[in-house]
Structures are given as C-alpha cells and as structure tokens.
Amino acid sequence: MAGNGQTVIDLDKKRMTAMAQKDIATLNRVLSDDLIYTHSSARLDTKQSLIGNMESGSTVYTAVEPSDVKAQDLGDTVVLTGSCRISVMSQGRPNSFSVRFTDVYANKGGQWQMVAWQSTRLPE
C-alpha cells in the first residue's frame, strides 16, 4: 500500500474544509469511531464529542487552512505533520491561531480514516 501519502494529504484537506463548512456527513466518513482528538488547549475529544460540539454550535470552525504538510507512508497507516491556521468561535468568542500538528490516518477496510490528532499552538 505504498504511495498513499498524497491521497491522505488530500483527504485531510477535505476533512479540514468539512470542519469549516460543518459538513457532518463527510466528517462521519473520514473520522474513525475511535478517534482521539487532542486540541492545542489539551482538551480531548472523541468523534462523537467533536461532531456534537460542532452541531450544537459550542464550537464553530470558520477556517482551517493547512500548510507545509508532509506524509510518512507506513503502509496501512499514514502520519501527517504540518502547520495549520485555525479560526473558530468557541463558546461565542472568536479565536484565530496557528498550530503545528501530527495527524494519523489508518486504512480500515480500504477506507482511510483519521484516528488521532495532536496539535501544539504556535506563538503569534
């Protein structure tokens, strides 16, 4: 399964766009049921809580823009690293910041799904 790096980079861009567009159907396909999503604030989310916060409006992503994304293709797993500019409304307050991230995708039955996200806020 070598050569999956660009496929997963493209899929992750779709996932980021889906977050900004509140495209829940795409997120349900791309996010693994056992997702562990660690925000730059150290808050943890599951697939269910991440999507639930978006649906309730407590967290509204307005832009998620990746840059300098690199892929390590490990066969049935691809690890992405890069930077990302995130604009979000959290609890009604706007916030915009940059992070450095590690993002892990696994091939589950022929479908790539995100299983882990870890980000660290960059100084402004």
N, C-alpha and C. Protein backbone atom coordinates (compact mmCIF):
# COMPACT_ATOMS: atom_id res chain seq x y z
N MET A 1 0.82 -1.20 0.00
CA MET A 1 0.00 0.00 0.00
C MET A 1 0.86 1.26 0.00
N ALA A 2 2.06 1.15 -0.48
CA ALA A 2 2.95 2.31 -0.50
C ALA A 2 2.41 3.36 -1.46
N GLY A 3 2.79 4.60 -1.25
CA GLY A 3 2.37 5.69 -2.12
C GLY A 3 1.06 6.33 -1.73
N ASN A 4 0.64 6.15 -0.48
CA ASN A 4 -0.64 6.70 -0.03
C ASN A 4 -0.54 8.10 0.56
N GLY A 5 0.67 8.62 0.67
CA GLY A 5 0.87 9.92 1.33
C GLY A 5 0.03 11.04 0.74
N GLN A 6 0.10 11.23 -0.58
CA GLN A 6 -0.64 12.34 -1.20
C GLN A 6 -2.14 12.13 -1.11
N THR A 7 -2.59 10.88 -1.22
CA THR A 7 -4.01 10.58 -1.08
C THR A 7 -4.52 11.03 0.28
N VAL A 8 -3.75 10.74 1.33
CA VAL A 8 -4.17 11.09 2.69
C VAL A 8 -4.04 12.60 2.92
N ILE A 9 -3.02 13.24 2.36
CA ILE A 9 -2.91 14.70 2.46
C ILE A 9 -4.16 15.35 1.85
N ASP A 10 -4.57 14.87 0.68
CA ASP A 10 -5.76 15.41 0.03
C ASP A 10 -7.02 15.14 0.85
N LEU A 11 -7.13 13.95 1.42
CA LEU A 11 -8.27 13.61 2.26
C LEU A 11 -8.33 14.50 3.49
N ASP A 12 -7.16 14.76 4.09
CA ASP A 12 -7.13 15.60 5.28
C ASP A 12 -7.53 17.04 4.95
N LYS A 13 -7.18 17.53 3.77
CA LYS A 13 -7.64 18.86 3.35
C LYS A 13 -9.17 18.88 3.26
N LYS A 14 -9.75 17.79 2.73
CA LYS A 14 -11.22 17.70 2.66
C LYS A 14 -11.82 17.69 4.07
N ARG A 15 -11.15 16.98 4.99
CA ARG A 15 -11.63 16.94 6.38
C ARG A 15 -11.60 18.33 7.01
N MET A 16 -10.52 19.08 6.77
CA MET A 16 -10.43 20.44 7.32
C MET A 16 -11.50 21.35 6.72
N THR A 17 -11.73 21.23 5.42
CA THR A 17 -12.78 22.01 4.77
C THR A 17 -14.15 21.62 5.32
N ALA A 18 -14.36 20.34 5.54
CA ALA A 18 -15.63 19.86 6.10
C ALA A 18 -15.87 20.43 7.49
N MET A 19 -14.80 20.57 8.28
CA MET A 19 -14.94 21.17 9.61
C MET A 19 -15.40 22.63 9.49
N ALA A 20 -14.79 23.38 8.56
CA ALA A 20 -15.13 24.79 8.39
C ALA A 20 -16.52 24.96 7.78
N GLN A 21 -16.96 23.98 7.00
CA GLN A 21 -18.28 24.08 6.36
C GLN A 21 -19.37 23.32 7.11
N LYS A 22 -19.00 22.76 8.26
CA LYS A 22 -19.93 21.98 9.09
C LYS A 22 -20.58 20.87 8.27
N ASP A 23 -19.74 20.19 7.47
CA ASP A 23 -20.17 19.08 6.62
C ASP A 23 -20.09 17.79 7.44
N ILE A 24 -21.13 17.52 8.19
CA ILE A 24 -21.14 16.41 9.14
C ILE A 24 -21.05 15.05 8.43
N ALA A 25 -21.69 14.93 7.25
CA ALA A 25 -21.65 13.67 6.52
C ALA A 25 -20.21 13.29 6.15
N THR A 26 -19.44 14.26 5.66
CA THR A 26 -18.04 13.99 5.33
C THR A 26 -17.25 13.65 6.58
N LEU A 27 -17.47 14.38 7.66
CA LEU A 27 -16.75 14.10 8.91
C LEU A 27 -17.06 12.70 9.42
N ASN A 28 -18.32 12.27 9.32
CA ASN A 28 -18.68 10.93 9.77
C ASN A 28 -17.96 9.85 8.98
N ARG A 29 -17.68 10.11 7.70
CA ARG A 29 -16.95 9.14 6.86
C ARG A 29 -15.46 9.14 7.16
N VAL A 30 -14.88 10.33 7.35
CA VAL A 30 -13.43 10.48 7.44
C VAL A 30 -12.89 10.24 8.85
N LEU A 31 -13.69 10.54 9.86
CA LEU A 31 -13.23 10.36 11.24
C LEU A 31 -13.54 8.95 11.72
N SER A 32 -12.55 8.31 12.31
CA SER A 32 -12.72 6.96 12.84
C SER A 32 -13.58 7.01 14.11
N ASP A 33 -14.36 5.96 14.33
CA ASP A 33 -15.20 5.89 15.53
C ASP A 33 -14.36 5.93 16.80
N ASP A 34 -13.08 5.50 16.72
CA ASP A 34 -12.22 5.51 17.91
C ASP A 34 -11.23 6.68 17.91
N LEU A 35 -11.59 7.76 17.22
CA LEU A 35 -10.74 8.95 17.14
C LEU A 35 -10.39 9.50 18.52
N ILE A 36 -9.12 9.90 18.65
CA ILE A 36 -8.66 10.67 19.82
C ILE A 36 -8.15 11.99 19.28
N TYR A 37 -8.87 13.09 19.59
CA TYR A 37 -8.57 14.41 19.05
C TYR A 37 -8.11 15.29 20.21
N THR A 38 -6.81 15.61 20.21
CA THR A 38 -6.24 16.43 21.28
C THR A 38 -6.04 17.84 20.75
N HIS A 39 -6.82 18.77 21.30
CA HIS A 39 -6.75 20.17 20.89
C HIS A 39 -5.47 20.82 21.41
N SER A 40 -5.13 21.98 20.86
CA SER A 40 -3.92 22.69 21.31
C SER A 40 -4.06 23.16 22.77
N SER A 41 -5.28 23.19 23.28
CA SER A 41 -5.52 23.56 24.68
C SER A 41 -5.39 22.36 25.61
N ALA A 42 -5.12 21.18 25.04
CA ALA A 42 -5.02 19.89 25.74
C ALA A 42 -6.39 19.27 26.00
N ARG A 43 -7.47 19.90 25.57
CA ARG A 43 -8.80 19.30 25.69
C ARG A 43 -8.88 18.10 24.75
N LEU A 44 -9.50 17.03 25.23
CA LEU A 44 -9.67 15.83 24.43
C LEU A 44 -11.08 15.74 23.89
N ASP A 45 -11.20 15.26 22.65
CA ASP A 45 -12.50 14.97 22.06
C ASP A 45 -12.47 13.59 21.45
N THR A 46 -13.63 12.97 21.40
CA THR A 46 -13.86 11.76 20.62
C THR A 46 -14.53 12.20 19.32
N LYS A 47 -14.75 11.29 18.41
CA LYS A 47 -15.50 11.62 17.20
C LYS A 47 -16.87 12.19 17.59
N GLN A 48 -17.53 11.52 18.52
CA GLN A 48 -18.87 11.92 18.91
C GLN A 48 -18.88 13.31 19.56
N SER A 49 -17.94 13.58 20.45
CA SER A 49 -17.95 14.88 21.13
C SER A 49 -17.50 16.01 20.19
N LEU A 50 -16.55 15.72 19.30
CA LEU A 50 -16.09 16.73 18.34
C LEU A 50 -17.25 17.15 17.43
N ILE A 51 -17.92 16.17 16.84
CA ILE A 51 -19.06 16.47 15.96
C ILE A 51 -20.21 17.07 16.77
N GLY A 52 -20.45 16.55 17.95
CA GLY A 52 -21.53 17.07 18.81
C GLY A 52 -21.33 18.55 19.14
N ASN A 53 -20.10 18.95 19.46
CA ASN A 53 -19.82 20.36 19.75
C ASN A 53 -20.03 21.24 18.53
N MET A 54 -19.73 20.70 17.33
CA MET A 54 -19.96 21.44 16.10
C MET A 54 -21.46 21.57 15.83
N GLU A 55 -22.19 20.48 16.02
CA GLU A 55 -23.63 20.50 15.77
C GLU A 55 -24.38 21.41 16.74
N SER A 56 -23.94 21.45 18.00
CA SER A 56 -24.61 22.28 19.00
C SER A 56 -24.27 23.76 18.85
N GLY A 57 -23.18 24.05 18.12
CA GLY A 57 -22.76 25.44 17.94
C GLY A 57 -21.80 25.92 19.02
N SER A 58 -21.43 25.04 19.97
CA SER A 58 -20.49 25.49 21.01
C SER A 58 -19.09 25.68 20.43
N THR A 59 -18.76 24.94 19.36
CA THR A 59 -17.52 25.12 18.63
C THR A 59 -17.85 25.24 17.15
N VAL A 60 -17.54 26.41 16.57
CA VAL A 60 -17.83 26.64 15.15
C VAL A 60 -16.53 27.00 14.46
N TYR A 61 -16.02 26.07 13.65
CA TYR A 61 -14.81 26.34 12.87
C TYR A 61 -15.20 27.19 11.67
N THR A 62 -14.51 28.32 11.46
CA THR A 62 -14.81 29.17 10.31
C THR A 62 -13.75 29.04 9.23
N ALA A 63 -12.55 28.58 9.59
CA ALA A 63 -11.49 28.32 8.62
C ALA A 63 -10.47 27.37 9.24
N VAL A 64 -10.01 26.42 8.43
CA VAL A 64 -8.95 25.50 8.84
C VAL A 64 -8.06 25.36 7.61
N GLU A 65 -6.88 25.99 7.66
CA GLU A 65 -6.03 26.09 6.48
C GLU A 65 -4.65 25.49 6.74
N PRO A 66 -4.37 24.32 6.13
CA PRO A 66 -3.09 23.65 6.36
C PRO A 66 -1.96 24.24 5.52
N SER A 67 -0.73 24.02 5.99
CA SER A 67 0.46 24.40 5.21
C SER A 67 1.61 23.47 5.59
N ASP A 68 2.57 23.35 4.68
CA ASP A 68 3.78 22.55 4.92
C ASP A 68 3.48 21.14 5.40
N VAL A 69 2.47 20.51 4.82
CA VAL A 69 2.08 19.17 5.26
C VAL A 69 2.98 18.12 4.59
N LYS A 70 3.51 17.24 5.41
CA LYS A 70 4.35 16.13 4.95
C LYS A 70 3.70 14.83 5.40
N ALA A 71 3.90 13.77 4.61
CA ALA A 71 3.33 12.47 4.93
C ALA A 71 4.42 11.42 5.10
N GLN A 72 4.26 10.57 6.09
CA GLN A 72 5.08 9.37 6.27
C GLN A 72 4.16 8.19 5.99
N ASP A 73 4.39 7.51 4.89
CA ASP A 73 3.55 6.38 4.49
C ASP A 73 4.11 5.11 5.12
N LEU A 74 3.35 4.51 6.03
CA LEU A 74 3.79 3.32 6.74
C LEU A 74 2.96 2.11 6.35
N GLY A 75 2.38 2.15 5.14
CA GLY A 75 1.57 1.03 4.67
C GLY A 75 0.11 1.26 4.96
N ASP A 76 -0.41 0.61 6.00
CA ASP A 76 -1.82 0.79 6.37
C ASP A 76 -2.02 1.98 7.30
N THR A 77 -0.95 2.74 7.56
CA THR A 77 -1.01 3.93 8.39
C THR A 77 -0.22 5.03 7.69
N VAL A 78 -0.76 6.25 7.73
CA VAL A 78 -0.05 7.42 7.23
C VAL A 78 -0.05 8.47 8.33
N VAL A 79 1.13 8.99 8.64
CA VAL A 79 1.29 10.04 9.65
C VAL A 79 1.55 11.35 8.91
N LEU A 80 0.71 12.35 9.19
CA LEU A 80 0.89 13.68 8.62
C LEU A 80 1.44 14.61 9.68
N THR A 81 2.35 15.49 9.26
CA THR A 81 2.81 16.57 10.12
C THR A 81 2.74 17.85 9.30
N GLY A 82 2.49 18.94 9.99
CA GLY A 82 2.41 20.21 9.28
C GLY A 82 1.97 21.32 10.20
N SER A 83 1.61 22.43 9.58
CA SER A 83 1.09 23.59 10.30
C SER A 83 -0.33 23.85 9.82
N CYS A 84 -1.06 24.60 10.62
CA CYS A 84 -2.45 24.87 10.28
C CYS A 84 -2.87 26.18 10.94
N ARG A 85 -3.60 26.99 10.20
CA ARG A 85 -4.20 28.21 10.74
C ARG A 85 -5.68 27.90 11.00
N ILE A 86 -6.12 28.09 12.22
CA ILE A 86 -7.48 27.74 12.62
C ILE A 86 -8.21 29.00 13.08
N SER A 87 -9.39 29.21 12.55
CA SER A 87 -10.29 30.27 13.02
C SER A 87 -11.53 29.58 13.55
N VAL A 88 -11.92 29.95 14.76
CA VAL A 88 -13.01 29.24 15.44
C VAL A 88 -13.79 30.20 16.33
N MET A 89 -15.07 29.90 16.48
CA MET A 89 -15.89 30.56 17.50
C MET A 89 -16.10 29.50 18.58
N SER A 90 -15.59 29.78 19.78
CA SER A 90 -15.73 28.82 20.87
C SER A 90 -16.48 29.50 22.01
N GLN A 91 -17.61 28.90 22.38
CA GLN A 91 -18.48 29.48 23.41
C GLN A 91 -18.82 30.94 23.07
N GLY A 92 -19.01 31.23 21.78
CA GLY A 92 -19.40 32.55 21.33
C GLY A 92 -18.27 33.55 21.17
N ARG A 93 -17.04 33.12 21.42
CA ARG A 93 -15.89 34.04 21.32
C ARG A 93 -15.03 33.66 20.12
N PRO A 94 -14.70 34.65 19.26
CA PRO A 94 -13.84 34.35 18.11
C PRO A 94 -12.40 34.14 18.54
N ASN A 95 -11.72 33.24 17.86
CA ASN A 95 -10.32 32.97 18.16
C ASN A 95 -9.66 32.52 16.86
N SER A 96 -8.44 32.98 16.63
CA SER A 96 -7.68 32.59 15.45
C SER A 96 -6.24 32.37 15.87
N PHE A 97 -5.68 31.25 15.46
CA PHE A 97 -4.33 30.90 15.90
C PHE A 97 -3.73 29.88 14.95
N SER A 98 -2.43 29.68 15.07
CA SER A 98 -1.72 28.68 14.27
C SER A 98 -1.24 27.55 15.17
N VAL A 99 -1.22 26.34 14.61
CA VAL A 99 -0.75 25.18 15.34
C VAL A 99 0.20 24.38 14.47
N ARG A 100 0.99 23.59 15.13
CA ARG A 100 1.79 22.55 14.49
C ARG A 100 1.07 21.26 14.86
N PHE A 101 0.90 20.33 13.92
CA PHE A 101 0.10 19.15 14.22
C PHE A 101 0.75 17.86 13.76
N THR A 102 0.32 16.80 14.42
CA THR A 102 0.56 15.43 13.99
C THR A 102 -0.81 14.79 13.85
N ASP A 103 -1.04 14.16 12.72
CA ASP A 103 -2.36 13.64 12.36
C ASP A 103 -2.14 12.22 11.83
N VAL A 104 -2.88 11.26 12.34
CA VAL A 104 -2.67 9.86 11.96
C VAL A 104 -3.92 9.31 11.29
N TYR A 105 -3.71 8.71 10.13
CA TYR A 105 -4.79 8.04 9.38
C TYR A 105 -4.47 6.56 9.29
N ALA A 106 -5.51 5.74 9.37
CA ALA A 106 -5.36 4.29 9.21
C ALA A 106 -6.29 3.81 8.10
N ASN A 107 -5.82 2.83 7.35
CA ASN A 107 -6.64 2.23 6.32
C ASN A 107 -7.49 1.16 6.99
N LYS A 108 -8.79 1.41 7.04
CA LYS A 108 -9.73 0.49 7.71
C LYS A 108 -10.65 -0.09 6.65
N GLY A 109 -10.36 -1.31 6.23
CA GLY A 109 -11.19 -1.97 5.25
C GLY A 109 -11.21 -1.26 3.91
N GLY A 110 -10.08 -0.66 3.53
CA GLY A 110 -9.99 0.04 2.25
C GLY A 110 -10.36 1.50 2.31
N GLN A 111 -10.76 1.99 3.47
CA GLN A 111 -11.13 3.40 3.63
C GLN A 111 -10.19 4.06 4.63
N TRP A 112 -9.58 5.18 4.21
CA TRP A 112 -8.71 5.93 5.10
C TRP A 112 -9.56 6.74 6.08
N GLN A 113 -9.22 6.62 7.37
CA GLN A 113 -9.91 7.38 8.41
C GLN A 113 -8.90 7.95 9.40
N MET A 114 -9.21 9.15 9.88
CA MET A 114 -8.36 9.80 10.87
C MET A 114 -8.59 9.17 12.24
N VAL A 115 -7.49 8.70 12.87
CA VAL A 115 -7.60 8.03 14.16
C VAL A 115 -7.03 8.87 15.30
N ALA A 116 -6.16 9.85 14.98
CA ALA A 116 -5.57 10.67 16.04
C ALA A 116 -5.16 12.03 15.49
N TRP A 117 -5.31 13.05 16.32
CA TRP A 117 -4.89 14.42 16.03
C TRP A 117 -4.27 14.97 17.31
N GLN A 118 -3.12 15.59 17.18
CA GLN A 118 -2.45 16.25 18.31
C GLN A 118 -1.90 17.56 17.78
N SER A 119 -2.22 18.66 18.43
CA SER A 119 -1.71 19.96 17.95
C SER A 119 -1.12 20.76 19.09
N THR A 120 -0.16 21.59 18.72
CA THR A 120 0.51 22.48 19.66
C THR A 120 0.42 23.89 19.11
N ARG A 121 -0.06 24.79 19.91
CA ARG A 121 -0.22 26.18 19.48
C ARG A 121 1.14 26.82 19.25
N LEU A 122 1.24 27.56 18.15
CA LEU A 122 2.46 28.30 17.82
C LEU A 122 2.39 29.70 18.40
N PRO A 123 3.52 30.27 18.81
CA PRO A 123 3.49 31.65 19.30
C PRO A 123 3.10 32.60 18.16
N GLU A 124 2.34 33.61 18.50
CA GLU A 124 1.91 34.59 17.49
C GLU A 124 2.96 35.63 17.26
